[in-house]
Amino acid sequence: KQALEPELEKYFHPDSYGYRPGKSAHQAIGQARRRCWDND
């Protein structure tokens, strides 16, 4: 796991929050809210 995660991280989209180290559902919700506010 320690060897694979850093190597594979570069293939994931920056907005992918599911099962990612250091990212949570709360962060995903916050990001979605910020983007909605930016578009209003």
PDB file of N, CA and C in Angstrom:
ATOM      1  N   LYS A   1       0.835  -1.192   0.000  1.00  0.00           N
ATOM      2  CA  LYS A   1       0.000   0.000   0.000  1.00  0.00           C
ATOM      3  C   LYS A   1       0.879   1.254   0.000  1.00  0.00           C
ATOM      4  N   GLN A   2       1.898   1.275   0.814  1.00  0.00           N
ATOM      5  CA  GLN A   2       2.760   2.456   0.897  1.00  0.00           C
ATOM      6  C   GLN A   2       3.532   2.682  -0.401  1.00  0.00           C
ATOM      7  N   ALA A   3       3.802   1.620  -1.114  1.00  0.00           N
ATOM      8  CA  ALA A   3       4.540   1.763  -2.368  1.00  0.00           C
ATOM      9  C   ALA A   3       3.614   2.117  -3.532  1.00  0.00           C
ATOM     10  N   LEU A   4       2.391   1.593  -3.512  1.00  0.00           N
ATOM     11  CA  LEU A   4       1.478   1.805  -4.631  1.00  0.00           C
ATOM     12  C   LEU A   4       0.777   3.158  -4.614  1.00  0.00           C
ATOM     13  N   GLU A   5       0.332   3.599  -3.444  1.00  0.00           N
ATOM     14  CA  GLU A   5      -0.459   4.834  -3.380  1.00  0.00           C
ATOM     15  C   GLU A   5       0.255   6.041  -3.990  1.00  0.00           C
ATOM     16  N   PRO A   6       1.483   6.324  -3.624  1.00  0.00           N
ATOM     17  CA  PRO A   6       2.136   7.499  -4.232  1.00  0.00           C
ATOM     18  C   PRO A   6       2.305   7.362  -5.747  1.00  0.00           C
ATOM     19  N   GLU A   7       2.544   6.171  -6.205  1.00  0.00           N
ATOM     20  CA  GLU A   7       2.747   5.954  -7.639  1.00  0.00           C
ATOM     21  C   GLU A   7       1.443   6.111  -8.421  1.00  0.00           C
ATOM     22  N   LEU A   8       0.342   5.627  -7.865  1.00  0.00           N
ATOM     23  CA  LEU A   8      -0.940   5.678  -8.568  1.00  0.00           C
ATOM     24  C   LEU A   8      -1.678   6.997  -8.394  1.00  0.00           C
ATOM     25  N   GLU A   9      -1.306   7.778  -7.416  1.00  0.00           N
ATOM     26  CA  GLU A   9      -1.996   9.038  -7.127  1.00  0.00           C
ATOM     27  C   GLU A   9      -2.033   9.958  -8.352  1.00  0.00           C
ATOM     28  N   LYS A  10      -1.007   9.949  -9.153  1.00  0.00           N
ATOM     29  CA  LYS A  10      -0.937  10.846 -10.313  1.00  0.00           C
ATOM     30  C   LYS A  10      -1.966  10.506 -11.394  1.00  0.00           C
ATOM     31  N   TYR A  11      -2.543   9.312 -11.346  1.00  0.00           N
ATOM     32  CA  TYR A  11      -3.529   8.914 -12.346  1.00  0.00           C
ATOM     33  C   TYR A  11      -4.957   9.300 -11.963  1.00  0.00           C
ATOM     34  N   PHE A  12      -5.174   9.694 -10.721  1.00  0.00           N
ATOM     35  CA  PHE A  12      -6.512  10.044 -10.266  1.00  0.00           C
ATOM     36  C   PHE A  12      -6.812  11.511 -10.542  1.00  0.00           C
ATOM     37  N   HIS A  13      -8.060  11.789 -10.823  1.00  0.00           N
ATOM     38  CA  HIS A  13      -8.503  13.169 -11.029  1.00  0.00           C
ATOM     39  C   HIS A  13      -8.430  13.901  -9.693  1.00  0.00           C
ATOM     40  N   PRO A  14      -8.016  15.152  -9.675  1.00  0.00           N
ATOM     41  CA  PRO A  14      -7.909  15.903  -8.413  1.00  0.00           C
ATOM     42  C   PRO A  14      -9.231  16.021  -7.655  1.00  0.00           C
ATOM     43  N   ASP A  15     -10.354  15.909  -8.371  1.00  0.00           N
ATOM     44  CA  ASP A  15     -11.660  16.010  -7.721  1.00  0.00           C
ATOM     45  C   ASP A  15     -12.202  14.666  -7.256  1.00  0.00           C
ATOM     46  N   SER A  16     -11.425  13.625  -7.359  1.00  0.00           N
ATOM     47  CA  SER A  16     -11.846  12.307  -6.897  1.00  0.00           C
ATOM     48  C   SER A  16     -11.590  12.198  -5.393  1.00  0.00           C
ATOM     49  N   TYR A  17     -12.659  12.034  -4.628  1.00  0.00           N
ATOM     50  CA  TYR A  17     -12.537  12.009  -3.177  1.00  0.00           C
ATOM     51  C   TYR A  17     -12.797  10.625  -2.579  1.00  0.00           C
ATOM     52  N   GLY A  18     -13.324   9.695  -3.339  1.00  0.00           N
ATOM     53  CA  GLY A  18     -13.692   8.391  -2.793  1.00  0.00           C
ATOM     54  C   GLY A  18     -12.495   7.513  -2.479  1.00  0.00           C
ATOM     55  N   TYR A  19     -12.381   7.100  -1.240  1.00  0.00           N
ATOM     56  CA  TYR A  19     -11.343   6.162  -0.791  1.00  0.00           C
ATOM     57  C   TYR A  19      -9.935   6.651  -1.099  1.00  0.00           C
ATOM     58  N   ARG A  20      -9.714   7.950  -0.976  1.00  0.00           N
ATOM     59  CA  ARG A  20      -8.395   8.511  -1.241  1.00  0.00           C
ATOM     60  C   ARG A  20      -7.762   8.941   0.066  1.00  0.00           C
ATOM     61  N   PRO A  21      -6.481   8.694   0.236  1.00  0.00           N
ATOM     62  CA  PRO A  21      -5.813   9.117   1.470  1.00  0.00           C
ATOM     63  C   PRO A  21      -5.792  10.641   1.578  1.00  0.00           C
ATOM     64  N   GLY A  22      -6.178  11.138   2.732  1.00  0.00           N
ATOM     65  CA  GLY A  22      -6.163  12.575   2.969  1.00  0.00           C
ATOM     66  C   GLY A  22      -7.358  13.328   2.428  1.00  0.00           C
ATOM     67  N   LYS A  23      -8.341  12.623   1.873  1.00  0.00           N
ATOM     68  CA  LYS A  23      -9.546  13.275   1.357  1.00  0.00           C
ATOM     69  C   LYS A  23     -10.759  12.630   2.007  1.00  0.00           C
ATOM     70  N   SER A  24     -11.763  13.466   2.288  1.00  0.00           N
ATOM     71  CA  SER A  24     -12.941  12.954   2.984  1.00  0.00           C
ATOM     72  C   SER A  24     -14.216  13.384   2.275  1.00  0.00           C
ATOM     73  N   ALA A  25     -15.326  12.797   2.692  1.00  0.00           N
ATOM     74  CA  ALA A  25     -16.632  13.168   2.150  1.00  0.00           C
ATOM     75  C   ALA A  25     -16.952  14.618   2.487  1.00  0.00           C
ATOM     76  N   HIS A  26     -16.543  15.071   3.651  1.00  0.00           N
ATOM     77  CA  HIS A  26     -16.793  16.461   4.044  1.00  0.00           C
ATOM     78  C   HIS A  26     -16.049  17.428   3.117  1.00  0.00           C
ATOM     79  N   GLN A  27     -14.856  17.072   2.728  1.00  0.00           N
ATOM     80  CA  GLN A  27     -14.109  17.917   1.794  1.00  0.00           C
ATOM     81  C   GLN A  27     -14.786  17.942   0.423  1.00  0.00           C
ATOM     82  N   ALA A  28     -15.323  16.814  -0.003  1.00  0.00           N
ATOM     83  CA  ALA A  28     -16.018  16.750  -1.290  1.00  0.00           C
ATOM     84  C   ALA A  28     -17.248  17.645  -1.282  1.00  0.00           C
ATOM     85  N   ILE A  29     -18.001  17.624  -0.190  1.00  0.00           N
ATOM     86  CA  ILE A  29     -19.189  18.474  -0.073  1.00  0.00           C
ATOM     87  C   ILE A  29     -18.789  19.943  -0.085  1.00  0.00           C
ATOM     88  N   GLY A  30     -17.750  20.278   0.641  1.00  0.00           N
ATOM     89  CA  GLY A  30     -17.271  21.658   0.663  1.00  0.00           C
ATOM     90  C   GLY A  30     -16.848  22.138  -0.715  1.00  0.00           C
ATOM     91  N   GLN A  31     -16.174  21.290  -1.445  1.00  0.00           N
ATOM     92  CA  GLN A  31     -15.737  21.655  -2.798  1.00  0.00           C
ATOM     93  C   GLN A  31     -16.941  21.853  -3.712  1.00  0.00           C
ATOM     94  N   ALA A  32     -17.933  20.986  -3.616  1.00  0.00           N
ATOM     95  CA  ALA A  32     -19.144  21.124  -4.431  1.00  0.00           C
ATOM     96  C   ALA A  32     -19.870  22.425  -4.105  1.00  0.00           C
ATOM     97  N   ARG A  33     -19.952  22.767  -2.838  1.00  0.00           N
ATOM     98  CA  ARG A  33     -20.607  24.023  -2.443  1.00  0.00           C
ATOM     99  C   ARG A  33     -19.863  25.233  -2.996  1.00  0.00           C
ATOM    100  N   ARG A  34     -18.545  25.214  -2.906  1.00  0.00           N
ATOM    101  CA  ARG A  34     -17.764  26.338  -3.427  1.00  0.00           C
ATOM    102  C   ARG A  34     -17.983  26.512  -4.931  1.00  0.00           C
ATOM    103  N   ARG A  35     -18.049  25.410  -5.637  1.00  0.00           N
ATOM    104  CA  ARG A  35     -18.248  25.504  -7.088  1.00  0.00           C
ATOM    105  C   ARG A  35     -19.647  26.000  -7.428  1.00  0.00           C
ATOM    106  N   CYS A  36     -20.634  25.599  -6.662  1.00  0.00           N
ATOM    107  CA  CYS A  36     -21.999  26.095  -6.889  1.00  0.00           C
ATOM    108  C   CYS A  36     -22.058  27.589  -6.630  1.00  0.00           C
ATOM    109  N   TRP A  37     -21.415  28.054  -5.564  1.00  0.00           N
ATOM    110  CA  TRP A  37     -21.417  29.481  -5.244  1.00  0.00           C
ATOM    111  C   TRP A  37     -20.691  30.279  -6.318  1.00  0.00           C
ATOM    112  N   ASP A  38     -19.630  29.722  -6.864  1.00  0.00           N
ATOM    113  CA  ASP A  38     -18.878  30.414  -7.911  1.00  0.00           C
ATOM    114  C   ASP A  38     -19.719  30.600  -9.174  1.00  0.00           C
ATOM    115  N   ASN A  39     -20.645  29.673  -9.415  1.00  0.00           N
ATOM    116  CA  ASN A  39     -21.460  29.728 -10.631  1.00  0.00           C
ATOM    117  C   ASN A  39     -22.750  30.512 -10.461  1.00  0.00           C
ATOM    118  N   ASP A  40     -23.056  30.926  -9.262  1.00  0.00           N
ATOM    119  CA  ASP A  40     -24.287  31.706  -9.042  1.00  0.00           C
ATOM    120  C   ASP A  40     -24.091  33.154  -9.363  1.00  0.00           C
TER     121      ASP A  40
END
